[in-house]
């Protein structure tokens, strides 16, 4: 995830257009890690349409929700983009993050940043999210899902995660959508926390075994 947005506020993870006067595909911004082993490290991010890291305060809220549950977890970051959420999870003790990003240049910068941090156990999969979820499943205890807005991707991705057996028995699923959307998620996902920032709403779900 390049996470492409058709409508986002300035406080959202992705912007909808390249910055005026900047060539595309060049590192022009910085992603700051806010907690854990890599706290305060800054990593370059590309100038690419629709690409912007999750704001610090949104990430801080999410990881406060998760608390100490990250240590040793297997994590999946779909529509990874800058990898802000997945890198933050590794910094805070996750054993492995699988990053899924379909844009080759964005994925290459993410891979470079992982190498800079000497993160070797978290691969970047350069593929479409739905194609990734069509593969044989691997069990994850935490999933970050931040699909492009207004493209009706949230519901099929949630269904694929549940029906494809990608989730551990009591997995946590972070879902970010446009505020105008009330997502239809599997019946055994219970809403654990919810917050709104600008035009986006972030929800954390707790899965319960069927």
Protein backbone atom coordinates (compact mmCIF):
# COMPACT_ATOMS: atom_id res chain seq x y z
CA UNK A 1 0.00 0.00 0.00
CA UNK A 2 0.71 2.45 -2.27
CA UNK A 3 -2.21 3.67 -0.14
CA UNK A 4 -3.84 5.93 -2.71
CA UNK A 5 -6.44 8.35 -1.48
CA UNK A 6 -9.09 10.14 -3.45
CA UNK A 7 -9.89 12.37 -0.47
CA UNK A 8 -7.71 12.91 2.59
CA UNK A 9 -7.08 15.70 5.06
CA UNK A 10 -3.64 17.15 5.70
CA UNK A 11 -3.44 15.01 8.85
CA UNK A 12 -4.01 11.75 7.03
CA UNK A 13 -1.60 9.03 6.06
CA UNK A 14 -1.66 9.75 2.36
CA UNK A 15 -2.10 12.90 0.31
CA UNK A 16 -3.91 12.82 -3.01
CA UNK A 17 -1.50 14.68 -5.26
CA UNK A 18 2.27 15.17 -5.64
CA UNK A 19 3.77 18.26 -4.13
CA UNK A 20 4.11 21.11 -6.60
CA UNK A 21 7.55 21.51 -8.08
CA UNK A 22 8.93 18.21 -6.75
CA UNK A 23 10.01 15.42 -9.11
CA UNK A 24 8.27 12.14 -8.43
CA UNK A 25 10.17 9.21 -7.01
CA UNK A 26 12.73 11.24 -5.03
CA UNK A 27 13.17 11.04 -1.24
CA UNK A 28 11.83 14.40 -0.08
CA UNK A 29 10.26 13.75 3.32
CA UNK A 30 11.00 12.02 6.57
CA UNK A 31 9.23 9.31 8.54
CA UNK A 32 9.90 9.53 12.28
CA UNK A 33 9.67 6.39 14.41
CA UNK A 34 7.93 7.35 17.64
CA UNK A 35 8.55 4.43 19.99
CA UNK A 36 10.57 1.33 20.76
CA UNK A 37 14.06 0.33 19.63
CA UNK A 38 14.18 2.79 16.72
CA UNK A 39 12.54 5.68 18.55
CA UNK A 40 13.32 9.08 16.98
CA UNK A 41 15.03 7.54 13.96
CA UNK A 42 14.10 9.37 10.77
CA UNK A 43 13.76 7.63 7.42
CA UNK A 44 13.38 9.12 3.92
CA UNK A 45 10.07 8.79 2.12
CA UNK A 46 9.38 9.28 -1.56
CA UNK A 47 7.59 12.10 -3.28
CA UNK A 48 4.95 9.91 -4.88
CA UNK A 49 1.27 10.65 -5.60
CA UNK A 50 -0.88 9.76 -2.61
CA UNK A 51 2.00 8.76 -0.35
CA UNK A 52 2.40 10.13 3.18
CA UNK A 53 3.18 8.43 6.49
CA UNK A 54 0.55 8.04 9.17
CA UNK A 55 0.76 11.11 11.42
CA UNK A 56 2.62 10.69 14.70
CA UNK A 57 -0.44 11.25 16.86
CA UNK A 58 -2.50 8.64 14.98
CA UNK A 59 0.27 6.06 15.30
CA UNK A 60 0.73 6.92 18.95
CA UNK A 61 -2.98 6.37 19.59
CA UNK A 62 -2.95 3.03 17.79
CA UNK A 63 0.11 1.71 19.59
CA UNK A 64 -1.26 2.88 22.93
CA UNK A 65 -4.32 0.76 22.13
CA UNK A 66 -2.09 -2.22 21.38
CA UNK A 67 -0.01 -1.72 24.53
CA UNK A 68 2.45 -4.51 25.25
CA UNK A 69 0.79 -7.01 22.90
CA UNK A 70 3.32 -6.59 20.07
CA UNK A 71 6.25 -8.58 21.42
CA UNK A 72 6.96 -11.65 19.28
CA UNK A 73 3.93 -11.17 17.04
CA UNK A 74 3.61 -12.05 13.36
CA UNK A 75 2.26 -8.92 11.65
CA UNK A 76 0.85 -8.18 8.19
CA UNK A 77 0.97 -4.61 6.78
CA UNK A 78 -1.32 -4.41 3.74
CA UNK A 79 -1.12 -1.43 1.36
CA UNK A 80 2.14 -0.75 3.21
CA UNK A 81 3.26 2.49 1.53
CA UNK A 82 6.00 3.99 3.69
CA UNK A 83 5.70 1.06 6.09
CA UNK A 84 5.07 3.47 8.96
CA UNK A 85 2.85 1.08 10.91
CA UNK A 86 4.85 -2.07 10.24
CA UNK A 87 8.20 -0.46 11.07
CA UNK A 88 6.70 0.93 14.26
CA UNK A 89 5.54 -2.60 15.15
CA UNK A 90 9.04 -4.03 14.62
CA UNK A 91 10.51 -1.21 16.69
CA UNK A 92 8.17 -2.20 19.51
CA UNK A 93 9.02 -5.89 19.47
CA UNK A 94 7.10 -7.62 16.68
CA UNK A 95 8.98 -10.71 15.47
CA UNK A 96 8.19 -10.25 11.78
CA UNK A 97 6.17 -7.97 9.54
CA UNK A 98 5.17 -8.91 6.00
CA UNK A 99 4.84 -5.67 4.04
CA UNK A 100 2.64 -5.77 0.94
CA UNK A 101 3.08 -2.87 -1.51
CA UNK A 102 2.33 -2.96 -5.23
CA UNK A 103 4.25 0.16 -6.35
CA UNK A 104 7.83 -0.94 -7.14
CA UNK A 105 9.47 2.43 -6.38
CA UNK A 106 7.65 2.79 -3.06
CA UNK A 107 8.48 -0.81 -2.19
CA UNK A 108 12.15 -0.23 -3.07
CA UNK A 109 12.39 2.75 -0.70
CA UNK A 110 10.69 0.72 2.03
CA UNK A 111 13.22 -2.08 1.52
CA UNK A 112 16.07 0.43 1.70
CA UNK A 113 14.72 1.81 4.97
CA UNK A 114 14.43 -1.67 6.45
CA UNK A 115 18.05 -2.33 5.48
CA UNK A 116 19.08 0.96 7.10
CA UNK A 117 17.51 -0.24 10.35
CA UNK A 118 19.07 -3.70 9.92
CA UNK A 119 15.62 -5.30 9.89
CA UNK A 120 16.23 -8.59 8.10
CA UNK A 121 13.24 -10.73 9.10
CA UNK A 122 10.50 -8.57 7.55
CA UNK A 123 10.14 -8.97 3.77
CA UNK A 124 8.53 -6.56 1.32
CA UNK A 125 6.17 -8.29 -1.12
CA UNK A 126 5.83 -6.29 -4.34
CA UNK A 127 2.35 -7.34 -5.36
CA UNK A 128 -1.30 -6.38 -5.27
CA UNK A 129 -2.95 -6.95 -1.88
CA UNK A 130 -5.77 -9.05 -3.27
CA UNK A 131 -3.27 -11.20 -5.18
CA UNK A 132 -1.29 -11.66 -1.95
CA UNK A 133 -4.42 -12.73 -0.08
CA UNK A 134 -5.17 -15.29 -2.80
CA UNK A 135 -1.99 -17.19 -1.83
CA UNK A 136 -1.83 -20.03 0.69
CA UNK A 137 -2.45 -18.45 4.06
CA UNK A 138 -0.03 -17.66 6.87
CA UNK A 139 -1.40 -16.94 10.35
CA UNK A 140 -1.01 -13.37 11.66
CA UNK A 141 -1.85 -12.05 15.11
CA UNK A 142 -2.00 -8.41 13.97
CA UNK A 143 -2.99 -6.92 10.61
CA UNK A 144 -2.78 -3.30 9.45
CA UNK A 145 -5.32 -2.58 6.71
CA UNK A 146 -5.44 0.94 5.26
CA UNK A 147 -6.85 0.58 1.73
CA UNK A 148 -7.30 3.42 -0.77
CA UNK A 149 -10.39 5.44 -0.02
CA UNK A 150 -13.55 5.29 -2.16
CA UNK A 151 -12.46 2.16 -4.02
CA UNK A 152 -14.59 -0.38 -2.11
CA UNK A 153 -11.57 -2.41 -1.03
CA UNK A 154 -12.13 -2.60 2.74
CA UNK A 155 -14.92 -5.17 2.72
CA UNK A 156 -13.36 -7.67 0.26
CA UNK A 157 -10.01 -7.45 2.06
CA UNK A 158 -11.65 -8.08 5.44
CA UNK A 159 -13.55 -11.03 3.98
CA UNK A 160 -10.38 -12.43 2.39
CA UNK A 161 -8.50 -12.21 5.69
CA UNK A 162 -11.22 -14.12 7.54
CA UNK A 163 -12.23 -16.62 4.89
CA UNK A 164 -8.65 -17.28 3.82
CA UNK A 165 -7.62 -18.15 7.40
CA UNK A 166 -4.98 -15.45 7.59
CA UNK A 167 -5.83 -14.60 11.20
CA UNK A 168 -4.89 -16.26 14.46
CA UNK A 169 -7.70 -17.15 16.86
CA UNK A 170 -7.75 -13.77 18.62
CA UNK A 171 -6.01 -11.57 16.07
CA UNK A 172 -6.21 -7.78 16.16
CA UNK A 173 -7.12 -5.96 12.93
CA UNK A 174 -6.52 -2.23 12.44
CA UNK A 175 -8.74 -0.80 9.71
CA UNK A 176 -8.64 2.77 8.44
CA UNK A 177 -11.36 4.01 6.10
CA UNK A 178 -13.00 7.19 4.94
CA UNK A 179 -15.33 8.49 7.65
CA UNK A 180 -18.31 8.28 5.31
CA UNK A 181 -17.94 4.49 5.17
CA UNK A 182 -19.32 2.17 7.82
CA UNK A 183 -17.30 -0.97 7.07
CA UNK A 184 -18.99 -4.34 6.85
CA UNK A 185 -16.61 -6.69 8.67
CA UNK A 186 -16.92 -10.38 9.59
CA UNK A 187 -19.44 -11.05 12.35
CA UNK A 188 -16.80 -12.47 14.70
CA UNK A 189 -14.75 -9.22 14.67
CA UNK A 190 -15.60 -7.12 17.69
CA UNK A 191 -14.87 -3.38 17.66
CA UNK A 192 -12.27 -2.71 20.34
CA UNK A 193 -11.36 0.97 19.80
CA UNK A 194 -12.32 3.72 17.36
CA UNK A 195 -11.08 7.25 16.63
CA UNK A 196 -11.57 9.87 13.93
CA UNK A 197 -9.00 12.22 12.42
CA UNK A 198 -10.02 14.56 9.64
CA UNK A 199 -11.69 12.58 6.86
CA UNK A 200 -10.56 9.18 8.14
CA UNK A 201 -11.81 6.85 10.85
CA UNK A 202 -9.50 4.31 12.48
CA UNK A 203 -10.92 1.17 14.06
CA UNK A 204 -9.22 -1.64 15.93
CA UNK A 205 -11.04 -4.95 15.92
CA UNK A 206 -10.52 -8.05 18.07
CA UNK A 207 -11.21 -11.34 16.29
CA UNK A 208 -13.04 -14.10 18.17
CA UNK A 209 -12.89 -17.74 17.06
CA UNK A 210 -15.93 -19.00 15.16
